[in-house]
Amino acid sequence: MVSDVHSDIPPHDGRAGPGLIAAFSFGWKALALRGVVSIILGIIALAYPFSALFALTLIFAVYALVDGIFSAISAFRRMGHGRHWGAMLLRGLLGIAVGIIFIVTPIAMTITYALLTVFLIAGWAIIAGGLEIIAAIRLRKEIEGEWLLALSGLLSLLLGLFVLYLALANPHVSVAMLGWGIGFYALVTGVTLLILAMRLRRRVQSFKA
């Protein structure tokens, strides 16, 4: 589910004004918070596979909503300090929309809606992952740690493909195993975000020194 990292990491040249430093200071805190939330959700999903579709849907909705909100905030903050914020804004709005849809209209416990849920989750993961990989490629000369952004996107793509495979191979099993897939993804992505947050925090401290 992972991310707004390209909006929060300073450029290589090491120069930053007061406004930019303030934006980056918010950035590492936002990344750290997202990482903690992701890890918590990942642990919960792994501990409870959520064979009940309703519970799984709510967990995913919260994850997508939180991820989307922080992605959108980071995109808006980057508008005044750099380029390449459009893809992250699109990713944020997508996450917010998907999260709200799942929360407002909980999916009924039928095979038809179960498959709809599975395909919506897979589509969100694949699109979000693709946007992150594109951002990493575009920003490889502008940021440090772009490979971590690409890794986050790759994990999202793998989650989407994993969910699609389960849905096509065995629709009944896919709902039960979806919790494990989301849990692993959220846990690994959370750790990645925390690593990026700590790296960004060190950069902010070096600017202030």
N, C-alpha and C. Protein backbone atom coordinates (compact mmCIF):
# COMPACT_ATOMS: atom_id res chain seq x y z
N MET A 1 0.60 -0.81 0.00
CA MET A 1 0.00 0.00 0.00
C MET A 1 0.80 1.09 0.00
N VAL A 2 2.32 1.39 -0.28
CA VAL A 2 3.00 2.05 0.18
C VAL A 2 3.11 3.03 -0.47
N SER A 3 3.46 4.94 -2.32
CA SER A 3 3.75 5.81 -1.21
C SER A 3 4.08 7.21 -1.67
N ASP A 4 4.17 8.10 -0.73
CA ASP A 4 4.43 9.49 -1.03
C ASP A 4 5.89 9.83 -0.84
N VAL A 5 6.77 8.84 -0.89
CA VAL A 5 8.15 9.09 -0.53
C VAL A 5 8.83 10.06 -1.47
N HIS A 6 8.49 10.02 -2.76
CA HIS A 6 9.18 10.92 -3.68
C HIS A 6 8.80 12.36 -3.44
N SER A 7 7.75 12.61 -2.70
CA SER A 7 7.38 13.98 -2.38
C SER A 7 8.08 14.48 -1.14
N ASP A 8 8.78 13.61 -0.44
CA ASP A 8 9.27 13.97 0.88
C ASP A 8 10.78 13.89 1.02
N ILE A 9 11.51 13.50 -0.02
CA ILE A 9 12.95 13.35 0.10
C ILE A 9 13.64 14.49 -0.63
N PRO A 10 14.59 15.17 0.02
CA PRO A 10 15.22 16.34 -0.57
C PRO A 10 16.06 15.98 -1.77
N PRO A 11 16.32 16.94 -2.67
CA PRO A 11 17.19 16.72 -3.80
C PRO A 11 18.62 16.56 -3.35
N HIS A 12 19.46 16.07 -4.28
CA HIS A 12 20.83 15.72 -3.93
C HIS A 12 21.71 16.91 -3.59
N ASP A 13 21.35 18.12 -4.06
CA ASP A 13 22.31 19.22 -3.96
C ASP A 13 22.48 19.73 -2.55
N GLY A 14 21.61 19.36 -1.60
CA GLY A 14 21.79 19.70 -0.21
C GLY A 14 21.35 21.10 0.17
N ARG A 15 20.79 21.87 -0.79
CA ARG A 15 20.36 23.23 -0.47
C ARG A 15 18.87 23.24 -0.17
N ALA A 16 18.49 24.01 0.84
CA ALA A 16 17.06 24.08 1.17
C ALA A 16 16.79 25.35 1.95
N GLY A 17 15.70 26.05 1.56
CA GLY A 17 15.27 27.23 2.28
C GLY A 17 14.41 26.86 3.46
N PRO A 18 14.02 27.86 4.28
CA PRO A 18 13.20 27.58 5.47
C PRO A 18 11.89 26.90 5.13
N GLY A 19 11.23 27.35 4.05
CA GLY A 19 9.95 26.74 3.69
C GLY A 19 10.10 25.29 3.28
N LEU A 20 11.16 25.01 2.53
CA LEU A 20 11.39 23.63 2.08
C LEU A 20 11.75 22.73 3.25
N ILE A 21 12.55 23.25 4.18
CA ILE A 21 12.90 22.47 5.37
C ILE A 21 11.65 22.13 6.16
N ALA A 22 10.74 23.09 6.29
CA ALA A 22 9.49 22.84 7.03
C ALA A 22 8.68 21.74 6.35
N ALA A 23 8.65 21.79 5.01
CA ALA A 23 7.89 20.77 4.28
C ALA A 23 8.51 19.40 4.48
N PHE A 24 9.85 19.32 4.44
CA PHE A 24 10.51 18.04 4.64
C PHE A 24 10.36 17.55 6.08
N SER A 25 10.33 18.49 7.03
CA SER A 25 10.14 18.10 8.43
C SER A 25 8.79 17.42 8.60
N PHE A 26 7.76 17.98 7.95
CA PHE A 26 6.46 17.30 7.96
C PHE A 26 6.55 15.96 7.25
N GLY A 27 7.34 15.93 6.17
CA GLY A 27 7.41 14.73 5.34
C GLY A 27 7.88 13.50 6.08
N TRP A 28 8.96 13.62 6.86
CA TRP A 28 9.47 12.42 7.53
C TRP A 28 8.51 11.97 8.62
N LYS A 29 7.82 12.92 9.26
CA LYS A 29 6.84 12.54 10.28
C LYS A 29 5.65 11.83 9.65
N ALA A 30 5.22 12.32 8.48
CA ALA A 30 4.10 11.68 7.78
C ALA A 30 4.48 10.27 7.35
N LEU A 31 5.71 10.12 6.84
CA LEU A 31 6.17 8.79 6.44
C LEU A 31 6.23 7.85 7.63
N ALA A 32 6.76 8.34 8.76
CA ALA A 32 6.86 7.51 9.95
C ALA A 32 5.49 7.07 10.44
N LEU A 33 4.53 8.01 10.43
CA LEU A 33 3.18 7.67 10.87
C LEU A 33 2.55 6.64 9.95
N ARG A 34 2.71 6.83 8.65
CA ARG A 34 2.19 5.86 7.69
C ARG A 34 2.83 4.50 7.90
N GLY A 35 4.14 4.50 8.18
CA GLY A 35 4.82 3.23 8.41
C GLY A 35 4.28 2.50 9.62
N VAL A 36 4.06 3.24 10.71
CA VAL A 36 3.54 2.62 11.93
C VAL A 36 2.13 2.07 11.69
N VAL A 37 1.29 2.87 11.02
CA VAL A 37 -0.08 2.41 10.73
C VAL A 37 -0.04 1.16 9.86
N SER A 38 0.83 1.15 8.86
CA SER A 38 0.93 -0.01 7.97
C SER A 38 1.37 -1.25 8.73
N ILE A 39 2.35 -1.10 9.62
CA ILE A 39 2.84 -2.25 10.38
C ILE A 39 1.74 -2.79 11.30
N ILE A 40 1.02 -1.90 11.96
CA ILE A 40 -0.07 -2.34 12.85
C ILE A 40 -1.13 -3.10 12.06
N LEU A 41 -1.55 -2.55 10.93
CA LEU A 41 -2.55 -3.23 10.11
C LEU A 41 -2.02 -4.56 9.57
N GLY A 42 -0.74 -4.58 9.22
CA GLY A 42 -0.14 -5.82 8.74
C GLY A 42 -0.15 -6.91 9.79
N ILE A 43 0.22 -6.56 11.01
CA ILE A 43 0.23 -7.54 12.10
C ILE A 43 -1.17 -8.06 12.37
N ILE A 44 -2.15 -7.16 12.39
CA ILE A 44 -3.54 -7.58 12.63
C ILE A 44 -4.01 -8.53 11.54
N ALA A 45 -3.72 -8.18 10.28
CA ALA A 45 -4.17 -9.01 9.16
C ALA A 45 -3.50 -10.38 9.18
N LEU A 46 -2.22 -10.44 9.56
CA LEU A 46 -1.53 -11.73 9.62
C LEU A 46 -2.01 -12.57 10.79
N ALA A 47 -2.34 -11.91 11.90
CA ALA A 47 -2.81 -12.65 13.07
C ALA A 47 -4.22 -13.18 12.87
N TYR A 48 -5.02 -12.44 12.12
CA TYR A 48 -6.41 -12.84 11.86
C TYR A 48 -6.63 -12.80 10.34
N PRO A 49 -6.58 -13.94 9.68
CA PRO A 49 -6.67 -13.98 8.21
C PRO A 49 -7.95 -13.37 7.65
N PHE A 50 -8.96 -13.12 8.50
CA PHE A 50 -10.18 -12.46 8.05
C PHE A 50 -10.90 -13.24 6.96
N SER A 51 -11.26 -14.47 7.31
CA SER A 51 -12.09 -15.23 6.38
C SER A 51 -13.46 -14.57 6.23
N ALA A 52 -13.85 -13.75 7.22
CA ALA A 52 -15.09 -12.98 7.10
C ALA A 52 -14.84 -11.78 6.20
N LEU A 53 -15.55 -11.71 5.11
CA LEU A 53 -15.31 -10.69 4.10
C LEU A 53 -15.54 -9.28 4.64
N PHE A 54 -16.54 -9.11 5.50
CA PHE A 54 -16.86 -7.78 6.01
C PHE A 54 -15.68 -7.18 6.77
N ALA A 55 -15.06 -7.98 7.66
CA ALA A 55 -13.93 -7.50 8.45
C ALA A 55 -12.75 -7.17 7.54
N LEU A 56 -12.50 -8.03 6.55
CA LEU A 56 -11.40 -7.80 5.63
C LEU A 56 -11.62 -6.51 4.83
N THR A 57 -12.84 -6.30 4.41
CA THR A 57 -13.16 -5.10 3.64
C THR A 57 -12.89 -3.83 4.44
N LEU A 58 -13.27 -3.82 5.71
CA LEU A 58 -13.05 -2.64 6.55
C LEU A 58 -11.56 -2.39 6.78
N ILE A 59 -10.79 -3.46 6.99
CA ILE A 59 -9.35 -3.31 7.17
C ILE A 59 -8.72 -2.69 5.92
N PHE A 60 -9.08 -3.22 4.77
CA PHE A 60 -8.53 -2.68 3.53
C PHE A 60 -8.96 -1.23 3.32
N ALA A 61 -10.21 -0.92 3.65
CA ALA A 61 -10.72 0.44 3.47
C ALA A 61 -9.91 1.44 4.30
N VAL A 62 -9.64 1.09 5.56
CA VAL A 62 -8.85 1.97 6.43
C VAL A 62 -7.45 2.16 5.86
N TYR A 63 -6.85 1.07 5.40
CA TYR A 63 -5.49 1.14 4.86
C TYR A 63 -5.44 2.04 3.63
N ALA A 64 -6.37 1.81 2.68
CA ALA A 64 -6.39 2.60 1.45
C ALA A 64 -6.67 4.07 1.74
N LEU A 65 -7.55 4.34 2.70
CA LEU A 65 -7.92 5.71 3.03
C LEU A 65 -6.74 6.47 3.65
N VAL A 66 -6.07 5.86 4.63
CA VAL A 66 -4.92 6.49 5.28
C VAL A 66 -3.81 6.72 4.27
N ASP A 67 -3.53 5.70 3.46
CA ASP A 67 -2.49 5.81 2.44
C ASP A 67 -2.82 6.94 1.46
N GLY A 68 -4.07 7.02 1.05
CA GLY A 68 -4.46 8.05 0.10
C GLY A 68 -4.38 9.46 0.67
N ILE A 69 -4.77 9.62 1.92
CA ILE A 69 -4.74 10.94 2.56
C ILE A 69 -3.31 11.47 2.64
N PHE A 70 -2.38 10.64 3.11
CA PHE A 70 -1.00 11.09 3.24
C PHE A 70 -0.35 11.31 1.88
N SER A 71 -0.70 10.48 0.90
CA SER A 71 -0.16 10.68 -0.45
C SER A 71 -0.64 12.02 -1.02
N ALA A 72 -1.91 12.34 -0.84
CA ALA A 72 -2.46 13.60 -1.34
C ALA A 72 -1.83 14.80 -0.63
N ILE A 73 -1.67 14.71 0.69
CA ILE A 73 -1.05 15.80 1.45
C ILE A 73 0.36 16.07 0.96
N SER A 74 1.13 15.01 0.76
CA SER A 74 2.51 15.16 0.29
C SER A 74 2.55 15.76 -1.11
N ALA A 75 1.61 15.37 -1.97
CA ALA A 75 1.55 15.92 -3.32
C ALA A 75 1.27 17.42 -3.28
N PHE A 76 0.32 17.84 -2.45
CA PHE A 76 0.00 19.26 -2.34
C PHE A 76 1.19 20.05 -1.81
N ARG A 77 1.92 19.48 -0.86
CA ARG A 77 3.07 20.18 -0.29
C ARG A 77 4.20 20.30 -1.31
N ARG A 78 4.30 19.33 -2.21
CA ARG A 78 5.37 19.37 -3.20
C ARG A 78 5.08 20.37 -4.32
N MET A 79 3.85 20.77 -4.49
CA MET A 79 3.48 21.68 -5.58
C MET A 79 4.34 22.94 -5.58
N GLY A 80 4.64 23.47 -4.40
CA GLY A 80 5.40 24.71 -4.34
C GLY A 80 6.89 24.54 -4.31
N HIS A 81 7.38 23.28 -4.34
CA HIS A 81 8.81 23.06 -4.18
C HIS A 81 9.42 22.18 -5.26
N GLY A 82 8.62 21.69 -6.18
CA GLY A 82 9.20 20.82 -7.20
C GLY A 82 8.16 20.33 -8.18
N ARG A 83 8.59 19.41 -9.04
CA ARG A 83 7.70 18.86 -10.05
C ARG A 83 7.32 17.43 -9.68
N HIS A 84 6.66 16.77 -10.62
CA HIS A 84 6.34 15.34 -10.49
C HIS A 84 5.43 15.05 -9.30
N TRP A 85 4.49 15.95 -9.01
CA TRP A 85 3.56 15.68 -7.91
C TRP A 85 2.24 15.14 -8.43
N GLY A 86 2.01 15.20 -9.72
CA GLY A 86 0.72 14.80 -10.29
C GLY A 86 0.40 13.33 -10.07
N ALA A 87 1.39 12.46 -10.29
CA ALA A 87 1.15 11.02 -10.15
C ALA A 87 0.80 10.67 -8.71
N MET A 88 1.49 11.32 -7.75
CA MET A 88 1.21 11.02 -6.35
C MET A 88 -0.15 11.56 -5.93
N LEU A 89 -0.54 12.71 -6.47
CA LEU A 89 -1.87 13.23 -6.18
C LEU A 89 -2.95 12.29 -6.71
N LEU A 90 -2.74 11.79 -7.92
CA LEU A 90 -3.69 10.84 -8.50
C LEU A 90 -3.77 9.58 -7.65
N ARG A 91 -2.61 9.12 -7.18
CA ARG A 91 -2.59 7.94 -6.33
C ARG A 91 -3.34 8.19 -5.03
N GLY A 92 -3.14 9.37 -4.44
CA GLY A 92 -3.83 9.70 -3.20
C GLY A 92 -5.33 9.77 -3.36
N LEU A 93 -5.78 10.44 -4.43
CA LEU A 93 -7.22 10.54 -4.67
C LEU A 93 -7.84 9.17 -4.93
N LEU A 94 -7.09 8.31 -5.63
CA LEU A 94 -7.58 6.95 -5.88
C LEU A 94 -7.76 6.19 -4.57
N GLY A 95 -6.76 6.28 -3.68
CA GLY A 95 -6.86 5.59 -2.40
C GLY A 95 -8.00 6.11 -1.54
N ILE A 96 -8.18 7.43 -1.52
CA ILE A 96 -9.27 8.02 -0.75
C ILE A 96 -10.62 7.56 -1.29
N ALA A 97 -10.77 7.58 -2.61
CA ALA A 97 -12.04 7.17 -3.22
C ALA A 97 -12.36 5.71 -2.93
N VAL A 98 -11.37 4.84 -3.10
CA VAL A 98 -11.59 3.42 -2.85
C VAL A 98 -11.92 3.17 -1.39
N GLY A 99 -11.18 3.83 -0.48
CA GLY A 99 -11.44 3.65 0.95
C GLY A 99 -12.84 4.09 1.34
N ILE A 100 -13.27 5.24 0.83
CA ILE A 100 -14.61 5.74 1.15
C ILE A 100 -15.69 4.80 0.61
N ILE A 101 -15.49 4.31 -0.61
CA ILE A 101 -16.48 3.40 -1.20
C ILE A 101 -16.67 2.17 -0.33
N PHE A 102 -15.57 1.58 0.14
CA PHE A 102 -15.65 0.37 0.95
C PHE A 102 -16.27 0.65 2.32
N ILE A 103 -15.98 1.83 2.89
CA ILE A 103 -16.52 2.15 4.22
C ILE A 103 -18.01 2.48 4.15
N VAL A 104 -18.40 3.27 3.16
CA VAL A 104 -19.79 3.71 3.06
C VAL A 104 -20.71 2.58 2.62
N THR A 105 -20.22 1.73 1.73
CA THR A 105 -21.06 0.63 1.22
C THR A 105 -20.38 -0.70 1.48
N PRO A 106 -20.43 -1.21 2.71
CA PRO A 106 -19.82 -2.51 3.02
C PRO A 106 -20.34 -3.60 2.09
N ILE A 107 -19.41 -4.42 1.62
CA ILE A 107 -19.77 -5.44 0.64
C ILE A 107 -20.55 -6.58 1.30
N ALA A 108 -21.63 -7.01 0.65
CA ALA A 108 -22.46 -8.10 1.17
C ALA A 108 -21.69 -9.42 1.09
N MET A 109 -22.09 -10.37 1.94
CA MET A 109 -21.39 -11.65 2.03
C MET A 109 -21.90 -12.63 0.97
N THR A 110 -21.65 -12.33 -0.28
CA THR A 110 -22.01 -13.24 -1.36
C THR A 110 -20.81 -13.41 -2.27
N ILE A 111 -20.80 -14.49 -3.04
CA ILE A 111 -19.67 -14.74 -3.93
C ILE A 111 -19.53 -13.62 -4.96
N THR A 112 -20.66 -13.12 -5.45
CA THR A 112 -20.61 -12.07 -6.47
C THR A 112 -19.89 -10.84 -5.95
N TYR A 113 -20.29 -10.36 -4.77
CA TYR A 113 -19.66 -9.17 -4.21
C TYR A 113 -18.26 -9.47 -3.68
N ALA A 114 -18.04 -10.71 -3.26
CA ALA A 114 -16.70 -11.09 -2.82
C ALA A 114 -15.72 -10.96 -3.98
N LEU A 115 -16.11 -11.43 -5.15
CA LEU A 115 -15.24 -11.31 -6.31
C LEU A 115 -15.06 -9.85 -6.70
N LEU A 116 -16.11 -9.05 -6.59
CA LEU A 116 -16.00 -7.62 -6.88
C LEU A 116 -14.98 -6.97 -5.96
N THR A 117 -15.04 -7.32 -4.68
CA THR A 117 -14.08 -6.79 -3.71
C THR A 117 -12.65 -7.17 -4.09
N VAL A 118 -12.46 -8.44 -4.43
CA VAL A 118 -11.13 -8.94 -4.78
C VAL A 118 -10.58 -8.18 -5.98
N PHE A 119 -11.38 -8.00 -7.01
CA PHE A 119 -10.90 -7.33 -8.22
C PHE A 119 -10.66 -5.84 -7.99
N LEU A 120 -11.47 -5.20 -7.15
CA LEU A 120 -11.23 -3.80 -6.83
C LEU A 120 -9.92 -3.62 -6.08
N ILE A 121 -9.66 -4.50 -5.12
CA ILE A 121 -8.41 -4.43 -4.37
C ILE A 121 -7.22 -4.67 -5.29
N ALA A 122 -7.34 -5.67 -6.17
CA ALA A 122 -6.26 -5.97 -7.10
C ALA A 122 -6.00 -4.78 -8.03
N GLY A 123 -7.08 -4.18 -8.54
CA GLY A 123 -6.92 -3.03 -9.43
C GLY A 123 -6.25 -1.86 -8.75
N TRP A 124 -6.66 -1.58 -7.50
CA TRP A 124 -6.05 -0.48 -6.74
C TRP A 124 -4.56 -0.74 -6.55
N ALA A 125 -4.20 -1.96 -6.16
CA ALA A 125 -2.80 -2.29 -5.88
C ALA A 125 -1.95 -2.17 -7.14
N ILE A 126 -2.45 -2.64 -8.27
CA ILE A 126 -1.69 -2.60 -9.52
C ILE A 126 -1.50 -1.17 -10.00
N ILE A 127 -2.57 -0.37 -9.98
CA ILE A 127 -2.46 1.03 -10.43
C ILE A 127 -1.54 1.83 -9.52
N ALA A 128 -1.71 1.68 -8.19
CA ALA A 128 -0.87 2.41 -7.24
C ALA A 128 0.59 2.01 -7.40
N GLY A 129 0.85 0.71 -7.56
CA GLY A 129 2.22 0.25 -7.74
C GLY A 129 2.84 0.78 -9.01
N GLY A 130 2.07 0.80 -10.09
CA GLY A 130 2.58 1.33 -11.35
C GLY A 130 2.93 2.80 -11.25
N LEU A 131 2.09 3.58 -10.57
CA LEU A 131 2.37 5.01 -10.39
C LEU A 131 3.64 5.23 -9.58
N GLU A 132 3.87 4.40 -8.57
CA GLU A 132 5.07 4.54 -7.75
C GLU A 132 6.33 4.21 -8.55
N ILE A 133 6.27 3.17 -9.37
CA ILE A 133 7.42 2.80 -10.18
C ILE A 133 7.73 3.90 -11.20
N ILE A 134 6.69 4.44 -11.83
CA ILE A 134 6.88 5.55 -12.78
C ILE A 134 7.52 6.74 -12.08
N ALA A 135 7.04 7.06 -10.87
CA ALA A 135 7.61 8.19 -10.12
C ALA A 135 9.07 7.94 -9.79
N ALA A 136 9.41 6.70 -9.41
CA ALA A 136 10.80 6.37 -9.08
C ALA A 136 11.71 6.56 -10.29
N ILE A 137 11.24 6.16 -11.47
CA ILE A 137 12.03 6.31 -12.69
C ILE A 137 12.24 7.78 -13.02
N ARG A 138 11.17 8.57 -12.92
CA ARG A 138 11.26 9.99 -13.24
C ARG A 138 12.13 10.77 -12.27
N LEU A 139 12.16 10.33 -11.01
CA LEU A 139 12.85 11.09 -9.97
C LEU A 139 14.20 10.50 -9.58
N ARG A 140 14.72 9.57 -10.38
CA ARG A 140 15.95 8.88 -9.97
C ARG A 140 17.14 9.83 -9.89
N LYS A 141 17.10 10.95 -10.62
CA LYS A 141 18.19 11.92 -10.56
C LYS A 141 17.92 13.03 -9.55
N GLU A 142 16.74 13.03 -8.97
CA GLU A 142 16.33 14.14 -8.10
C GLU A 142 16.34 13.77 -6.62
N ILE A 143 16.21 12.49 -6.30
CA ILE A 143 16.10 12.08 -4.91
C ILE A 143 17.09 10.98 -4.58
N GLU A 144 17.33 10.80 -3.30
CA GLU A 144 18.05 9.64 -2.80
C GLU A 144 17.05 8.59 -2.35
N GLY A 145 17.37 7.33 -2.58
CA GLY A 145 16.50 6.26 -2.13
C GLY A 145 15.36 5.96 -3.08
N GLU A 146 15.53 6.30 -4.37
CA GLU A 146 14.44 6.03 -5.31
C GLU A 146 14.18 4.54 -5.47
N TRP A 147 15.20 3.72 -5.18
CA TRP A 147 15.01 2.27 -5.29
C TRP A 147 14.01 1.77 -4.25
N LEU A 148 13.93 2.45 -3.10
CA LEU A 148 12.94 2.07 -2.10
C LEU A 148 11.54 2.42 -2.57
N LEU A 149 11.41 3.52 -3.27
CA LEU A 149 10.12 3.87 -3.86
C LEU A 149 9.71 2.85 -4.90
N ALA A 150 10.69 2.45 -5.73
CA ALA A 150 10.41 1.42 -6.74
C ALA A 150 10.05 0.09 -6.08
N LEU A 151 10.72 -0.23 -4.97
CA LEU A 151 10.42 -1.46 -4.24
C LEU A 151 9.00 -1.44 -3.71
N SER A 152 8.58 -0.31 -3.17
CA SER A 152 7.21 -0.19 -2.67
C SER A 152 6.21 -0.40 -3.80
N GLY A 153 6.49 0.19 -4.96
CA GLY A 153 5.61 0.00 -6.11
C GLY A 153 5.58 -1.44 -6.58
N LEU A 154 6.75 -2.09 -6.57
CA LEU A 154 6.82 -3.49 -6.98
C LEU A 154 6.01 -4.38 -6.04
N LEU A 155 6.10 -4.11 -4.74
CA LEU A 155 5.32 -4.88 -3.77
C LEU A 155 3.83 -4.72 -4.01
N SER A 156 3.42 -3.50 -4.34
CA SER A 156 2.01 -3.25 -4.62
C SER A 156 1.56 -4.01 -5.87
N LEU A 157 2.40 -4.00 -6.90
CA LEU A 157 2.08 -4.75 -8.12
C LEU A 157 1.96 -6.24 -7.83
N LEU A 158 2.90 -6.76 -7.04
CA LEU A 158 2.87 -8.18 -6.71
C LEU A 158 1.62 -8.54 -5.92
N LEU A 159 1.21 -7.64 -5.02
CA LEU A 159 -0.03 -7.89 -4.27
C LEU A 159 -1.21 -7.97 -5.23
N GLY A 160 -1.29 -7.03 -6.16
CA GLY A 160 -2.40 -7.05 -7.11
C GLY A 160 -2.42 -8.31 -7.96
N LEU A 161 -1.25 -8.72 -8.45
CA LEU A 161 -1.17 -9.93 -9.26
C LEU A 161 -1.49 -11.17 -8.44
N PHE A 162 -1.05 -11.18 -7.18
CA PHE A 162 -1.33 -12.29 -6.28
C PHE A 162 -2.83 -12.44 -6.06
N VAL A 163 -3.49 -11.33 -5.83
CA VAL A 163 -4.94 -11.35 -5.60
C VAL A 163 -5.68 -11.79 -6.85
N LEU A 164 -5.26 -11.30 -8.02
CA LEU A 164 -5.89 -11.71 -9.27
C LEU A 164 -5.72 -13.20 -9.51
N TYR A 165 -4.52 -13.70 -9.23
CA TYR A 165 -4.27 -15.14 -9.42
C TYR A 165 -5.19 -15.97 -8.53
N LEU A 166 -5.32 -15.57 -7.28
CA LEU A 166 -6.20 -16.30 -6.37
C LEU A 166 -7.65 -16.25 -6.84
N ALA A 167 -8.07 -15.09 -7.30
CA ALA A 167 -9.46 -14.95 -7.74
C ALA A 167 -9.76 -15.83 -8.94
N LEU A 168 -8.81 -15.94 -9.86
CA LEU A 168 -9.03 -16.73 -11.06
C LEU A 168 -8.85 -18.23 -10.80
N ALA A 169 -7.90 -18.56 -9.90
CA ALA A 169 -7.62 -19.97 -9.64
C ALA A 169 -8.68 -20.61 -8.76
N ASN A 170 -9.08 -19.90 -7.70
CA ASN A 170 -10.06 -20.45 -6.76
C ASN A 170 -10.75 -19.31 -6.03
N PRO A 171 -11.87 -18.83 -6.52
CA PRO A 171 -12.55 -17.68 -5.90
C PRO A 171 -12.86 -17.87 -4.42
N HIS A 172 -13.18 -19.09 -4.01
CA HIS A 172 -13.52 -19.33 -2.60
C HIS A 172 -12.29 -19.16 -1.71
N VAL A 173 -11.14 -19.64 -2.19
CA VAL A 173 -9.92 -19.54 -1.40
C VAL A 173 -9.40 -18.11 -1.38
N SER A 174 -9.62 -17.36 -2.47
CA SER A 174 -9.04 -16.02 -2.58
C SER A 174 -9.50 -15.10 -1.46
N VAL A 175 -10.77 -15.19 -1.08
CA VAL A 175 -11.28 -14.33 -0.02
C VAL A 175 -10.61 -14.65 1.30
N ALA A 176 -10.42 -15.94 1.59
CA ALA A 176 -9.81 -16.34 2.85
C ALA A 176 -8.33 -15.96 2.91
N MET A 177 -7.64 -16.02 1.77
CA MET A 177 -6.20 -15.77 1.75
C MET A 177 -5.85 -14.31 1.53
N LEU A 178 -6.83 -13.51 1.19
CA LEU A 178 -6.57 -12.11 0.91
C LEU A 178 -6.00 -11.38 2.12
N GLY A 179 -6.46 -11.76 3.30
CA GLY A 179 -5.94 -11.14 4.52
C GLY A 179 -4.45 -11.36 4.69
N TRP A 180 -3.97 -12.56 4.34
CA TRP A 180 -2.54 -12.84 4.43
C TRP A 180 -1.76 -11.97 3.45
N GLY A 181 -2.26 -11.85 2.23
CA GLY A 181 -1.56 -11.05 1.24
C GLY A 181 -1.48 -9.59 1.64
N ILE A 182 -2.59 -9.03 2.08
CA ILE A 182 -2.60 -7.63 2.51
C ILE A 182 -1.74 -7.45 3.75
N GLY A 183 -1.78 -8.41 4.66
CA GLY A 183 -0.98 -8.32 5.88
C GLY A 183 0.51 -8.28 5.58
N PHE A 184 0.97 -9.18 4.70
CA PHE A 184 2.39 -9.21 4.35
C PHE A 184 2.79 -7.92 3.65
N TYR A 185 1.96 -7.48 2.72
CA TYR A 185 2.24 -6.25 1.99
C TYR A 185 2.32 -5.05 2.93
N ALA A 186 1.35 -4.92 3.83
CA ALA A 186 1.32 -3.79 4.75
C ALA A 186 2.53 -3.81 5.68
N LEU A 187 2.92 -5.00 6.14
CA LEU A 187 4.05 -5.12 7.06
C LEU A 187 5.36 -4.70 6.39
N VAL A 188 5.63 -5.24 5.21
CA VAL A 188 6.87 -4.92 4.50
C VAL A 188 6.89 -3.45 4.08
N THR A 189 5.77 -2.96 3.60
CA THR A 189 5.70 -1.56 3.20
C THR A 189 5.89 -0.63 4.39
N GLY A 190 5.32 -0.99 5.54
CA GLY A 190 5.49 -0.18 6.74
C GLY A 190 6.94 -0.06 7.15
N VAL A 191 7.66 -1.18 7.10
CA VAL A 191 9.09 -1.16 7.43
C VAL A 191 9.85 -0.27 6.45
N THR A 192 9.52 -0.39 5.15
CA THR A 192 10.16 0.44 4.13
C THR A 192 9.93 1.92 4.39
N LEU A 193 8.71 2.28 4.75
CA LEU A 193 8.39 3.68 5.03
C LEU A 193 9.14 4.20 6.24
N LEU A 194 9.29 3.37 7.27
CA LEU A 194 10.05 3.80 8.45
C LEU A 194 11.51 4.04 8.10
N ILE A 195 12.08 3.18 7.26
CA ILE A 195 13.47 3.37 6.84
C ILE A 195 13.62 4.69 6.09
N LEU A 196 12.70 4.95 5.17
CA LEU A 196 12.73 6.20 4.43
C LEU A 196 12.54 7.41 5.35
N ALA A 197 11.67 7.28 6.33
CA ALA A 197 11.43 8.38 7.27
C ALA A 197 12.70 8.72 8.05
N MET A 198 13.42 7.70 8.49
CA MET A 198 14.65 7.94 9.24
C MET A 198 15.72 8.58 8.35
N ARG A 199 15.79 8.16 7.09
CA ARG A 199 16.75 8.76 6.17
C ARG A 199 16.40 10.22 5.92
N LEU A 200 15.13 10.51 5.74
CA LEU A 200 14.70 11.88 5.53
C LEU A 200 14.94 12.74 6.76
N ARG A 201 14.74 12.17 7.93
CA ARG A 201 14.98 12.90 9.18
C ARG A 201 16.45 13.31 9.29
N ARG A 202 17.34 12.42 8.90
CA ARG A 202 18.77 12.75 8.93
C ARG A 202 19.10 13.87 7.95
N ARG A 203 18.44 13.86 6.78
CA ARG A 203 18.67 14.92 5.81
C ARG A 203 18.20 16.27 6.34
N VAL A 204 17.04 16.28 6.99
CA VAL A 204 16.51 17.52 7.56
C VAL A 204 17.46 18.05 8.62
N GLN A 205 17.99 17.17 9.46
CA GLN A 205 18.93 17.59 10.50
C GLN A 205 20.21 18.16 9.89
N SER A 206 20.65 17.58 8.76
CA SER A 206 21.86 18.09 8.11
C SER A 206 21.62 19.48 7.52
N PHE A 207 20.39 19.77 7.05
CA PHE A 207 20.07 21.09 6.54
C PHE A 207 20.12 22.13 7.65
N LYS A 208 19.65 21.74 8.85
CA LYS A 208 19.58 22.67 9.97
C LYS A 208 20.93 22.90 10.61
N ALA A 209 21.86 21.98 10.38
CA ALA A 209 23.17 22.08 11.03
C ALA A 209 23.97 23.27 10.49
